[in-house]
Protein backbone atom coordinates (compact mmCIF):
# COMPACT_ATOMS: atom_id res chain seq x y z
CA MET A 1 -10.16 -8.38 -8.17
CA GLU A 2 -12.01 -9.30 -4.99
CA ALA A 3 -12.76 -12.79 -6.36
CA LEU A 4 -9.11 -13.20 -7.35
CA THR A 5 -7.98 -12.07 -3.91
CA ASN A 6 -10.34 -14.55 -2.23
CA LEU A 7 -9.06 -17.35 -4.50
CA PHE A 8 -5.40 -16.65 -3.69
CA SER A 9 -6.23 -16.27 0.00
CA ALA A 10 -7.79 -19.73 -0.01
CA ILE A 11 -4.81 -21.25 -1.86
CA ASN A 12 -2.37 -19.42 0.42
CA SER A 13 -4.00 -20.82 3.56
CA VAL A 14 -3.37 -24.31 2.15
CA VAL A 15 0.17 -23.90 0.77
CA TRP A 16 1.39 -22.15 3.93
CA GLY A 17 -0.88 -24.23 6.16
CA PRO A 18 -0.11 -27.09 8.55
CA LEU A 19 0.00 -29.72 5.78
CA MET A 20 2.75 -27.93 3.87
CA LEU A 21 4.75 -27.26 7.03
CA ILE A 22 4.49 -30.95 7.97
CA LEU A 23 5.61 -31.89 4.43
CA LEU A 24 8.60 -29.53 4.56
CA LEU A 25 9.62 -30.76 7.99
CA GLY A 26 8.88 -34.39 7.11
CA VAL A 27 11.05 -34.44 3.98
CA GLY A 28 13.80 -32.59 5.83
CA LEU A 29 13.69 -35.05 8.73
CA TYR A 30 13.73 -38.00 6.31
CA LEU A 31 16.82 -36.57 4.59
CA GLN A 32 18.51 -35.79 7.90
CA LEU A 33 17.96 -39.37 9.15
CA GLY A 34 18.94 -40.84 5.76
CA LEU A 35 22.18 -38.87 5.96
CA ARG A 36 22.63 -40.13 9.55
CA LEU A 37 22.69 -36.56 10.91
CA MET A 38 25.76 -35.83 8.77
CA PRO A 39 24.87 -32.13 8.20
CA ILE A 40 24.92 -31.55 11.96
CA ARG A 41 27.95 -33.77 12.61
CA LYS A 42 29.97 -32.22 9.77
CA LEU A 43 29.15 -28.57 10.49
CA GLY A 44 32.82 -27.82 11.20
CA THR A 45 33.83 -29.44 7.90
CA GLY A 46 31.32 -27.21 6.13
CA PHE A 47 32.85 -24.04 7.59
CA LYS A 48 36.35 -25.26 6.69
CA LEU A 49 35.27 -25.86 3.08
CA MET A 50 33.54 -22.47 2.99
CA PHE A 51 36.79 -20.62 3.81
CA GLN A 52 38.74 -22.83 1.40
CA GLY A 53 36.10 -22.13 -1.26
CA ARG A 54 36.74 -18.40 -1.49
CA ALA A 55 38.69 -19.28 -4.64
CA ALA A 56 38.09 -22.40 -6.73
CA LYS A 57 40.95 -24.91 -6.97
CA GLY A 58 42.74 -25.24 -10.30
CA GLU A 59 41.02 -28.50 -11.18
CA GLU A 60 37.60 -27.15 -10.23
CA LYS A 61 37.01 -24.41 -12.80
CA GLU A 62 33.71 -25.86 -14.03
CA GLY A 63 31.30 -23.10 -13.09
CA GLU A 64 31.10 -19.32 -13.06
CA ILE A 65 31.53 -18.30 -9.40
CA SER A 66 33.57 -19.54 -6.45
CA PRO A 67 31.91 -21.96 -3.98
CA PHE A 68 32.07 -19.21 -1.32
CA ASN A 69 30.37 -16.65 -3.58
CA ALA A 70 27.69 -19.20 -4.48
CA LEU A 71 26.86 -19.41 -0.76
CA MET A 72 26.94 -15.62 -0.42
CA THR A 73 24.59 -15.27 -3.42
CA ALA A 74 22.19 -17.74 -1.81
CA LEU A 75 22.50 -15.92 1.53
CA SER A 76 21.89 -12.56 -0.18
CA ALA A 77 18.42 -13.84 -1.09
CA THR A 78 17.67 -15.51 2.26
CA ILE A 79 18.98 -12.95 4.77
CA GLY A 80 16.28 -10.34 4.45
CA THR A 81 13.05 -9.11 5.97
CA GLY A 82 12.42 -12.57 7.45
CA ASN A 83 15.38 -12.09 9.79
CA ILE A 84 14.03 -8.80 11.11
CA ALA A 85 10.26 -8.76 10.59
CA GLY A 86 9.72 -12.54 10.39
CA VAL A 87 11.30 -13.33 13.75
CA ALA A 88 9.34 -10.54 15.40
CA THR A 89 6.10 -11.81 13.86
CA ALA A 90 6.81 -15.36 15.07
CA ILE A 91 7.30 -14.11 18.65
CA ALA A 92 4.31 -11.75 18.49
CA LEU A 93 1.96 -14.54 17.32
CA GLY A 94 3.55 -17.66 18.82
CA GLY A 95 5.33 -16.37 21.90
CA PRO A 96 8.98 -16.95 22.88
CA GLY A 97 8.61 -20.72 22.29
CA ALA A 98 8.38 -20.05 18.54
CA VAL A 99 12.14 -19.38 18.53
CA PHE A 100 12.84 -22.98 19.63
CA TRP A 101 10.80 -24.32 16.70
CA MET A 102 12.66 -21.97 14.34
CA TRP A 103 15.88 -23.66 15.53
CA ILE A 104 14.43 -27.13 14.96
CA THR A 105 13.36 -26.07 11.46
CA ALA A 106 16.92 -24.92 10.76
CA LEU A 107 18.56 -28.13 12.01
CA VAL A 108 16.22 -30.18 9.83
CA GLY A 109 16.55 -27.70 6.97
CA MET A 110 20.32 -28.13 6.85
CA ALA A 111 19.78 -31.61 5.40
CA THR A 112 17.28 -30.22 2.89
CA LYS A 113 19.64 -27.45 1.76
CA PHE A 114 22.55 -29.93 1.54
CA SER A 115 20.50 -32.28 -0.65
CA GLU A 116 19.27 -29.45 -2.89
CA ALA A 117 22.83 -28.29 -3.64
CA VAL A 118 24.11 -31.85 -4.19
CA LEU A 119 21.40 -32.46 -6.79
CA ALA A 120 21.83 -29.01 -8.34
CA VAL A 121 25.53 -29.63 -9.08
CA ARG A 122 24.98 -33.30 -10.03
CA TYR A 123 22.29 -32.56 -12.64
CA ARG A 124 23.25 -29.08 -13.88
CA GLU A 125 23.65 -28.26 -17.57
CA VAL A 126 25.71 -25.86 -19.69
CA ASP A 127 23.62 -23.40 -21.69
CA SER A 128 24.31 -22.02 -25.17
CA THR A 129 26.44 -19.20 -23.72
CA GLY A 130 28.67 -21.68 -21.87
CA ASN A 131 27.30 -20.91 -18.41
CA HIS A 132 26.29 -23.58 -15.90
CA ILE A 133 22.61 -23.62 -14.99
CA GLY A 134 20.75 -25.82 -12.54
CA GLY A 135 18.26 -26.02 -9.73
CA PRO A 136 15.06 -27.99 -9.08
CA MET A 137 13.78 -27.63 -12.65
CA PHE A 138 16.96 -29.28 -13.96
CA TYR A 139 17.30 -32.03 -11.38
CA ILE A 140 13.66 -32.85 -11.98
CA LYS A 141 14.18 -33.01 -15.76
CA ASN A 142 17.58 -34.74 -15.74
CA GLY A 143 17.20 -36.81 -12.60
CA LEU A 144 13.61 -37.99 -12.86
CA GLY A 145 13.40 -38.16 -16.65
CA LYS A 146 11.51 -36.33 -19.40
CA LYS A 147 8.12 -37.59 -18.24
CA TRP A 148 8.60 -35.36 -15.17
CA ALA A 149 9.68 -32.29 -17.18
CA TRP A 150 6.25 -30.70 -16.67
CA LEU A 151 6.92 -30.65 -12.92
CA GLY A 152 10.18 -28.79 -13.55
CA GLY A 153 8.23 -26.36 -15.72
CA ALA A 154 5.73 -25.81 -12.89
CA PHE A 155 8.59 -24.99 -10.49
CA ALA A 156 10.11 -22.57 -13.02
CA PHE A 157 6.76 -20.80 -13.52
CA PHE A 158 6.15 -20.43 -9.78
CA GLY A 159 9.74 -19.22 -9.28
CA ALA A 160 9.67 -16.67 -12.09
CA VAL A 161 6.43 -15.12 -10.77
CA ALA A 162 7.42 -15.28 -7.10
CA ALA A 163 10.71 -13.47 -7.86
CA PHE A 164 8.83 -10.35 -9.00
CA GLY A 165 6.93 -10.23 -5.73
CA ILE A 166 8.79 -11.80 -2.83
CA GLY A 167 12.21 -10.94 -4.28
CA ASN A 168 11.51 -7.56 -5.84
CA THR A 169 8.47 -5.33 -5.31
CA VAL A 170 7.82 -6.45 -1.73
CA GLN A 171 11.48 -5.80 -0.85
CA SER A 172 11.63 -2.33 -2.43
CA ASN A 173 8.35 -1.46 -0.70
CA SER A 174 9.75 -2.56 2.69
CA VAL A 175 12.85 -0.40 2.19
CA ALA A 176 10.76 2.59 1.09
CA ASP A 177 8.51 2.29 4.15
CA ALA A 178 11.47 1.98 6.53
CA LEU A 179 13.41 4.93 5.06
CA ASP A 180 10.28 7.09 4.89
CA SER A 181 9.27 6.48 8.53
CA THR A 182 12.82 6.84 9.91
CA PHE A 183 14.51 9.40 7.67
CA GLY A 184 11.62 11.00 5.74
CA VAL A 185 12.88 9.81 2.32
CA PRO A 186 10.06 9.79 -0.29
CA HIS A 187 9.00 6.39 -1.63
CA TRP A 188 9.66 7.35 -5.27
CA LEU A 189 13.23 8.46 -4.53
CA THR A 190 14.01 5.20 -2.72
CA GLY A 191 12.58 3.25 -5.66
CA VAL A 192 14.68 5.11 -8.23
CA VAL A 193 17.90 4.80 -6.21
CA ILE A 194 17.42 1.05 -5.68
CA MET A 195 16.56 0.63 -9.37
CA VAL A 196 19.81 2.33 -10.45
CA LEU A 197 22.00 0.49 -7.93
CA ALA A 198 20.39 -2.91 -8.45
CA GLY A 199 20.27 -2.45 -12.23
CA ALA A 200 24.02 -1.81 -12.36
CA VAL A 201 24.56 -5.18 -10.69
CA ILE A 202 21.74 -7.31 -12.15
CA LEU A 203 22.37 -6.39 -15.80
CA GLY A 204 25.93 -7.70 -15.38
CA GLY A 205 24.72 -11.25 -14.68
CA ILE A 206 25.69 -13.84 -12.09
CA LYS A 207 29.41 -12.99 -11.94
CA ARG A 208 28.67 -9.38 -10.97
CA ILE A 209 25.86 -10.39 -8.59
CA ALA A 210 28.15 -12.94 -6.89
CA LYS A 211 31.02 -10.43 -6.67
CA VAL A 212 28.81 -7.86 -4.92
CA ALA A 213 27.15 -10.51 -2.71
CA GLY A 214 30.55 -11.94 -1.76
CA LYS A 215 31.54 -8.58 -0.28
CA LEU A 216 28.24 -7.11 0.91
CA VAL A 217 26.65 -10.16 2.60
CA PRO A 218 29.50 -10.92 5.03
CA ILE A 219 29.82 -7.23 5.95
CA MET A 220 26.10 -6.69 6.53
CA GLY A 221 25.71 -9.96 8.42
CA ILE A 222 28.66 -9.28 10.74
CA LEU A 223 27.61 -5.67 11.39
CA TYR A 224 24.04 -6.70 12.24
CA ILE A 225 25.26 -9.43 14.59
CA LEU A 226 27.67 -6.96 16.25
CA ALA A 227 24.86 -4.42 16.71
CA GLY A 228 22.75 -7.17 18.26
CA LEU A 229 25.60 -8.17 20.60
CA VAL A 230 25.92 -4.53 21.74
CA VAL A 231 22.21 -4.58 22.64
CA LEU A 232 22.63 -7.91 24.43
CA SER A 233 25.55 -6.51 26.43
CA VAL A 234 23.23 -3.72 27.59
CA ASN A 235 20.51 -6.28 28.40
CA ALA A 236 22.95 -8.92 29.71
CA SER A 237 20.98 -9.57 32.89
CA GLN A 238 17.96 -10.66 30.83
CA ILE A 239 19.69 -13.17 28.52
CA GLY A 240 19.26 -16.12 30.90
CA ASP A 241 15.53 -15.38 31.26
CA ALA A 242 15.20 -15.11 27.47
CA PHE A 243 16.63 -18.60 26.95
CA SER A 244 14.43 -19.95 29.76
CA MET A 245 11.33 -18.52 28.08
CA ILE A 246 12.33 -19.98 24.69
CA PHE A 247 12.67 -23.52 26.06
CA TYR A 248 9.76 -23.37 28.53
CA TYR A 249 7.16 -21.91 26.17
CA ALA A 250 8.16 -24.24 23.33
CA PHE A 251 6.24 -26.94 25.24
CA ASN A 252 3.89 -24.89 27.46
CA PRO A 253 1.20 -22.35 26.56
CA HIS A 254 1.92 -18.69 27.25
CA ALA A 255 -0.77 -16.72 29.11
CA ALA A 256 -1.85 -13.28 27.91
CA MET A 257 0.12 -10.40 29.42
CA GLY A 258 0.22 -6.70 28.61
CA GLY A 259 -0.57 -6.30 24.92
CA PHE A 260 0.48 -9.89 24.17
CA ALA A 261 -2.61 -12.00 23.48
CA GLY A 262 -1.04 -15.25 24.68
CA ALA A 263 -0.21 -18.31 22.62
CA ALA A 264 -0.88 -22.04 22.69
CA VAL A 265 1.93 -24.54 22.07
CA MET A 266 0.55 -25.26 18.59
CA ALA A 267 0.82 -21.54 17.79
CA ALA A 268 4.47 -21.55 18.86
CA ILE A 269 5.14 -24.56 16.62
CA ARG A 270 3.16 -23.23 13.66
CA PHE A 271 4.60 -19.71 13.60
CA GLY A 272 8.10 -20.85 14.52
CA VAL A 273 8.21 -23.38 11.69
CA ALA A 274 6.48 -21.08 9.16
CA ARG A 275 8.70 -18.06 9.86
CA GLY A 276 11.79 -20.28 10.03
CA ILE A 277 11.12 -21.72 6.58
CA PHE A 278 10.21 -18.27 5.23
CA SER A 279 13.52 -16.95 6.51
CA ASN A 280 15.96 -19.69 5.45
CA GLU A 281 13.98 -21.02 2.43
CA ALA A 282 15.06 -24.63 3.06
CA GLY A 283 12.88 -26.82 0.85
CA LEU A 284 11.56 -24.02 -1.36
CA GLY A 285 14.19 -24.78 -4.01
CA SER A 286 15.59 -21.29 -4.55
CA ALA A 287 19.14 -21.60 -3.14
CA PRO A 288 20.25 -24.55 -5.35
CA ILE A 289 19.87 -22.29 -8.41
CA ALA A 290 22.81 -20.25 -7.09
CA HIS A 291 24.86 -23.28 -6.00
CA ALA A 292 24.54 -24.80 -9.48
CA ALA A 293 26.81 -22.02 -10.79
CA ALA A 294 29.62 -22.85 -8.34
CA GLN A 295 33.10 -23.72 -9.60
CA THR A 296 33.22 -27.28 -8.32
CA LYS A 297 33.23 -30.81 -9.71
CA ASN A 298 32.07 -32.38 -6.47
CA PRO A 299 28.37 -32.09 -5.57
CA VAL A 300 28.92 -33.11 -1.93
CA ARG A 301 31.56 -30.43 -1.31
CA GLN A 302 29.10 -27.78 -2.50
CA GLY A 303 26.33 -29.37 -0.43
CA LEU A 304 28.45 -29.08 2.72
CA ILE A 305 28.94 -25.38 1.98
CA ALA A 306 25.30 -24.84 1.01
CA MET A 307 23.91 -26.23 4.28
CA LEU A 308 25.71 -23.42 6.14
CA GLY A 309 23.20 -21.00 4.62
CA THR A 310 20.44 -22.35 6.84
CA PHE A 311 22.70 -22.38 9.92
CA ILE A 312 23.94 -18.81 9.39
CA ASP A 313 20.51 -17.42 8.51
CA THR A 314 18.45 -18.97 11.32
CA ILE A 315 20.75 -20.21 14.08
CA MET A 316 22.95 -17.09 13.97
CA VAL A 317 21.14 -14.06 12.52
CA CYS A 318 17.56 -14.90 13.54
CA THR A 319 18.69 -15.86 17.05
CA ILE A 320 20.33 -12.45 17.51
CA THR A 321 17.05 -10.75 16.52
CA ALA A 322 15.06 -13.03 18.84
CA LEU A 323 17.30 -12.41 21.85
CA VAL A 324 17.25 -8.64 21.27
CA ILE A 325 13.43 -8.75 21.28
CA LEU A 326 13.09 -11.07 24.29
CA THR A 327 15.62 -9.22 26.45
CA SER A 328 13.55 -6.06 26.06
CA THR A 329 10.04 -5.71 27.44
CA VAL A 330 8.59 -4.26 24.22
CA TRP A 331 7.36 -7.61 22.87
CA VAL A 332 4.59 -7.87 25.51
CA GLU A 333 3.11 -4.52 24.41
CA GLY A 334 1.37 -5.88 21.31
CA GLU A 335 3.77 -4.71 18.58
CA ALA A 336 4.68 -7.01 15.66
CA GLY A 337 6.84 -7.12 12.56
CA ALA A 338 9.82 -4.88 11.86
CA SER A 339 8.51 -2.20 14.23
CA LEU A 340 8.84 -4.63 17.15
CA THR A 341 12.50 -5.31 16.26
CA ALA A 342 13.15 -1.56 15.83
CA LEU A 343 11.56 -0.72 19.20
CA SER A 344 13.60 -3.47 20.88
CA PHE A 345 16.87 -2.07 19.50
CA GLU A 346 15.74 1.48 20.36
CA ALA A 347 14.98 0.51 23.98
CA ALA A 348 18.63 -0.50 24.49
CA LEU A 349 20.22 2.10 22.19
CA PRO A 350 18.05 5.27 22.37
CA GLY A 351 18.41 7.50 19.33
CA MET A 352 20.27 4.82 17.36
CA GLY A 353 18.31 1.57 17.51
CA ASN A 354 15.59 2.55 15.07
CA GLN A 355 18.14 3.79 12.52
CA ILE A 356 20.20 0.59 12.83
CA VAL A 357 17.17 -1.57 12.05
CA SER A 358 16.03 0.64 9.17
CA LEU A 359 19.48 0.58 7.54
CA ALA A 360 19.82 -3.18 8.11
CA LEU A 361 16.40 -3.72 6.58
CA ALA A 362 17.37 -1.59 3.57
CA ILE A 363 20.63 -3.48 2.94
CA PHE A 364 19.08 -6.90 3.58
CA ALA A 365 16.23 -6.14 1.18
CA PHE A 366 18.63 -4.77 -1.47
CA THR A 367 20.71 -7.96 -1.48
CA THR A 368 17.52 -10.05 -1.55
CA ILE A 369 16.59 -8.25 -4.78
CA LEU A 370 19.98 -9.18 -6.27
CA GLY A 371 19.76 -12.85 -5.32
CA TRP A 372 16.17 -13.30 -6.41
CA SER A 373 16.82 -11.61 -9.75
CA PHE A 374 19.15 -14.50 -10.59
CA TYR A 375 16.66 -17.12 -9.36
CA GLY A 376 13.86 -15.63 -11.45
CA GLU A 377 16.12 -15.26 -14.46
CA LYS A 378 17.11 -18.94 -14.46
CA CYS A 379 13.47 -19.99 -14.08
CA PHE A 380 12.53 -17.72 -16.99
CA GLN A 381 15.42 -19.13 -19.04
CA PHE A 382 14.21 -22.68 -18.42
CA LEU A 383 10.78 -21.74 -19.76
CA PHE A 384 11.69 -19.46 -22.67
CA GLY A 385 15.35 -20.08 -23.57
CA THR A 386 18.64 -18.21 -23.23
CA ARG A 387 17.55 -15.29 -25.45
CA SER A 388 14.93 -14.30 -22.88
CA ILE A 389 17.49 -13.52 -20.16
CA MET A 390 18.09 -9.83 -20.94
CA LEU A 391 14.34 -9.18 -21.30
CA TYR A 392 13.78 -10.65 -17.84
CA ARG A 393 16.59 -8.58 -16.31
CA VAL A 394 15.20 -5.33 -17.76
CA LEU A 395 11.63 -6.08 -16.63
CA PHE A 396 12.89 -7.07 -13.17
CA VAL A 397 14.82 -3.81 -12.75
CA LEU A 398 11.90 -1.67 -14.00
CA ALA A 399 9.56 -3.32 -11.47
CA ILE A 400 11.64 -2.09 -8.50
CA PRO A 401 10.39 1.56 -8.34
CA LEU A 402 6.82 0.43 -9.05
CA GLY A 403 7.01 -1.79 -5.99
CA ALA A 404 8.40 1.02 -3.86
CA MET A 405 5.43 3.27 -4.65
CA ALA A 406 2.55 0.78 -4.98
CA GLN A 407 0.05 -0.69 -2.54
CA LEU A 408 1.10 -4.32 -2.58
CA GLY A 409 -1.70 -6.18 -0.83
CA PHE A 410 -2.63 -8.46 -3.73
CA ILE A 411 0.91 -8.68 -5.18
CA TRP A 412 2.23 -9.78 -1.78
CA LEU A 413 -0.52 -12.39 -1.48
CA MET A 414 0.10 -13.78 -4.98
CA ALA A 415 3.89 -13.84 -4.62
CA ASP A 416 3.72 -15.41 -1.16
CA THR A 417 1.44 -18.12 -2.58
CA PHE A 418 3.70 -18.91 -5.56
CA ASN A 419 6.74 -18.83 -3.25
CA ALA A 420 5.23 -21.66 -1.19
CA MET A 421 4.09 -23.53 -4.32
CA MET A 422 7.73 -23.73 -5.45
CA ALA A 423 8.22 -26.19 -2.59
CA ILE A 424 5.80 -28.80 -3.93
CA PRO A 425 7.76 -29.85 -7.09
CA ASN A 426 11.02 -29.47 -5.18
CA LEU A 427 10.00 -31.71 -2.27
CA ILE A 428 8.72 -34.40 -4.65
CA ALA A 429 12.08 -34.37 -6.45
CA LEU A 430 14.07 -34.42 -3.20
CA ALA A 431 12.15 -37.43 -1.93
CA LEU A 432 12.45 -39.37 -5.22
CA LEU A 433 16.12 -38.50 -5.78
CA SER A 434 17.18 -39.04 -2.15
CA PRO A 435 18.89 -42.39 -2.97
CA MET A 436 21.25 -40.46 -5.27
CA VAL A 437 22.00 -37.96 -2.50
CA PHE A 438 22.71 -40.75 -0.01
CA LYS A 439 24.95 -42.62 -2.50
CA LEU A 440 27.00 -39.57 -3.48
CA THR A 441 27.44 -38.67 0.20
CA ARG A 442 28.53 -42.20 1.18
CA ASP A 443 31.00 -42.32 -1.72
CA TYR A 444 32.47 -38.95 -0.77
CA PHE A 445 33.01 -39.79 2.89
CA ASP A 446 34.35 -43.23 1.96
CA GLY A 447 36.94 -41.50 -0.22
CA LYS A 448 35.55 -42.91 -3.49
CA ASP A 449 34.62 -39.53 -4.95
CA VAL A 450 37.61 -37.34 -4.07
CA LEU A 451 39.55 -35.35 -6.65
CA PRO A 452 43.31 -35.91 -7.16
CA GLY A 453 45.22 -33.88 -4.57
CA GLU A 454 42.09 -33.18 -2.51
CA ASP A 455 42.15 -33.79 1.24
CA LEU A 456 40.12 -36.80 2.33
CA PRO A 457 36.90 -35.72 4.07
CA LYS A 458 37.02 -35.88 7.85
């Protein structure tokens, strides 16, 4: 086991190292420039389509879930521990400047997420049960040709394994820890309750997952943002200083102070980019699996909705967490992770802050389990066929209480490694298929690819 741990540690340091972060940012920047900054320029159009997409139009019934619920399913998997613990870790290790680089990652990542969804809808298939399936493994196979099918298989393998860790056992363990430390709930009880609740949703398939995500994700996101705004109203006098620190320390080293060890500019960049990507998953290839099930005939329309996932996750939710932390003085005392976020909320809202963060963490992690169950299932289906779906669902649900009670050091390391390795096949496909993304986008905004009765894109 020690040799295996050392092997995965070595691989992990490479796949989450500077080279991978440069690759993720580089492909995203290439796509953003190739799209002529369209994802940023058309942000308002994306939000308009999102609200219109709460129900599919009559002529757009190809797919299982509404375009809005496809986004909520993707957000259910991305809004999670990264928004609470990940932001805090970035600040603790990289200083306030890390937040600026999280923002840059998100602005670049919007183009990546747009392109992923465009390709997912363009190259999706219909399986033997009549359901639409897609994602990187399918746009690799159908877009790049059969000689590249092995690369799609590699993505599916990494995704199926990563789902059990990053999207299941690690999440249930985080919830169990939070509820135990805050409310004294035993780990085993948390595991069983999550298993029952998640099982009732997951065993019903994508339509039930999307239905729950479509209601739970907006509610939890809005409530968390409102709680953060309450804290910021208490700390209003510090907001200006917080923004000043974010911009100043993005380009200047931060000296050690209190329990904070200090951080060089490279540390701010590294941890800001790494935690940003971990949070919004742009480039990892997970979200397009959900968007492939959307009821739409137009890949670009779904891409415009999909790119909002990165904006909402990082620019909105992560920024609230960052400002709560930076407007308190707790971050200089050497804390990190979810405990830093909890202490920051508690400093402004004594007797309530810790509970707010624990409950938010529990709900965020629960929805992450739902979203990732679908990602893993589709990867497993690609490898072993449609008949394997129910087996995967049952195994996924049974793993939840085991994760809540286990020591997850090695499982976390392995899952984190495979999670990053999903990006490699996906980024290769995005780069090679970028001409298709650019063409479809040009045609759409030139009015060449608009459905009868559909408003011309603005």
